[in-house]
Amino acid sequence: MPIKIAVVQFEIQQFVPEENLKKAEPFVEQVSAAAQIIVFPEDFVVGPFNGRIEFIDHDGRYVRYFQQLAATYKIDIVPGSILEEPEQD
């Protein structure tokens, strides 16, 4: 069975994750009927971090957002890089 993969490219707003995440859902919705996987650019949620640790996904909200989109639109999502807080020993 062939697999169709949609690849997204767009200009991000660095350090404005809310705006970048808003842009994601229309792409997912648009391709969900035709593709099984959608791939977003690396670092598209916040852009290159440049040491700005306040944009690390401390509470998992970025991950949960993409999990919700994947379930809603029944598509696998490669959300680019999402930096998470390291586990503490």
Protein backbone atom coordinates (compact mmCIF):
# COMPACT_ATOMS: atom_id res chain seq x y z
CA MET A 1 0.00 0.00 0.00
CA PRO A 2 1.50 3.37 -0.98
CA ILE A 3 1.87 5.97 1.73
CA LYS A 4 1.38 9.65 0.98
CA ILE A 5 3.44 12.15 2.94
CA ALA A 6 2.66 15.86 3.02
CA VAL A 7 5.56 18.21 3.74
CA VAL A 8 4.92 21.70 5.10
CA GLN A 9 7.15 24.71 4.67
CA PHE A 10 6.29 28.19 5.90
CA GLU A 11 7.89 31.20 7.49
CA ILE A 12 7.78 30.99 11.27
CA GLN A 13 7.60 33.75 13.82
CA GLN A 14 10.56 33.17 16.10
CA PHE A 15 9.67 32.97 19.80
CA VAL A 16 5.91 33.25 19.08
CA PRO A 17 4.77 29.61 19.45
CA GLU A 18 1.07 30.48 19.69
CA GLU A 19 1.10 32.00 16.19
CA ASN A 20 3.10 29.14 14.70
CA LEU A 21 0.83 26.52 16.26
CA LYS A 22 -2.25 28.32 14.89
CA LYS A 23 -0.80 27.88 11.41
CA ALA A 24 -0.40 24.12 11.87
CA GLU A 25 -4.05 23.01 12.06
CA PRO A 26 -5.15 24.34 8.64
CA PHE A 27 -2.29 22.41 7.03
CA VAL A 28 -3.26 19.23 8.88
CA GLU A 29 -6.92 19.66 8.00
CA GLN A 30 -6.15 20.33 4.33
CA VAL A 31 -4.05 17.21 3.77
CA SER A 32 -5.67 14.74 6.16
CA ALA A 33 -7.96 13.23 3.51
CA ALA A 34 -5.11 12.69 1.04
CA ALA A 35 -2.03 11.88 3.16
CA GLN A 36 -1.23 9.52 6.03
CA ILE A 37 1.69 11.55 7.39
CA ILE A 38 2.36 15.28 7.60
CA VAL A 39 5.85 16.61 8.31
CA PHE A 40 6.49 20.09 9.69
CA PRO A 41 9.84 21.93 9.56
CA GLU A 42 12.40 21.46 12.27
CA ASP A 43 12.09 24.08 15.04
CA PHE A 44 8.88 25.50 13.56
CA VAL A 45 7.08 25.85 16.90
CA VAL A 46 9.46 28.49 18.31
CA GLY A 47 12.32 28.74 15.83
CA PRO A 48 15.94 28.21 16.80
CA PHE A 49 16.13 28.39 20.60
CA ASN A 50 19.39 30.31 20.86
CA GLY A 51 19.54 29.49 24.57
CA ARG A 52 16.01 30.78 25.31
CA ILE A 53 15.05 28.04 27.79
CA GLU A 54 11.70 29.66 28.54
CA PHE A 55 10.45 28.12 25.28
CA ILE A 56 11.25 24.54 26.31
CA ASP A 57 8.06 22.45 26.43
CA HIS A 58 8.08 22.24 30.24
CA ASP A 59 4.52 21.01 30.62
CA GLY A 60 4.08 19.00 27.41
CA ARG A 61 1.61 21.41 25.84
CA TYR A 62 3.20 21.31 22.38
CA VAL A 63 3.23 17.52 22.39
CA ARG A 64 -0.40 17.36 23.57
CA TYR A 65 -1.42 19.84 20.86
CA PHE A 66 -0.03 17.59 18.12
CA GLN A 67 -1.48 14.48 19.74
CA GLN A 68 -4.90 16.14 19.67
CA LEU A 69 -4.52 17.16 16.01
CA ALA A 70 -3.40 13.65 15.05
CA ALA A 71 -6.42 12.11 16.78
CA THR A 72 -8.88 14.64 15.37
CA TYR A 73 -7.70 14.36 11.77
CA LYS A 74 -6.56 10.71 11.91
CA ILE A 75 -3.10 11.45 10.54
CA ASP A 76 0.44 10.87 11.79
CA ILE A 77 2.32 14.10 12.50
CA VAL A 78 6.04 14.74 12.55
CA PRO A 79 6.07 18.03 14.44
CA GLY A 80 9.70 18.96 13.94
CA SER A 81 11.86 19.46 17.02
CA ILE A 82 10.21 20.00 20.36
CA LEU A 83 12.67 20.58 23.17
CA GLU A 84 11.54 19.10 26.47
CA GLU A 85 12.86 19.50 29.96
CA PRO A 86 15.35 16.75 30.86
CA GLU A 87 14.28 14.18 33.40
CA GLN A 88 15.73 14.71 36.87
CA ASP A 89 17.37 11.75 38.64
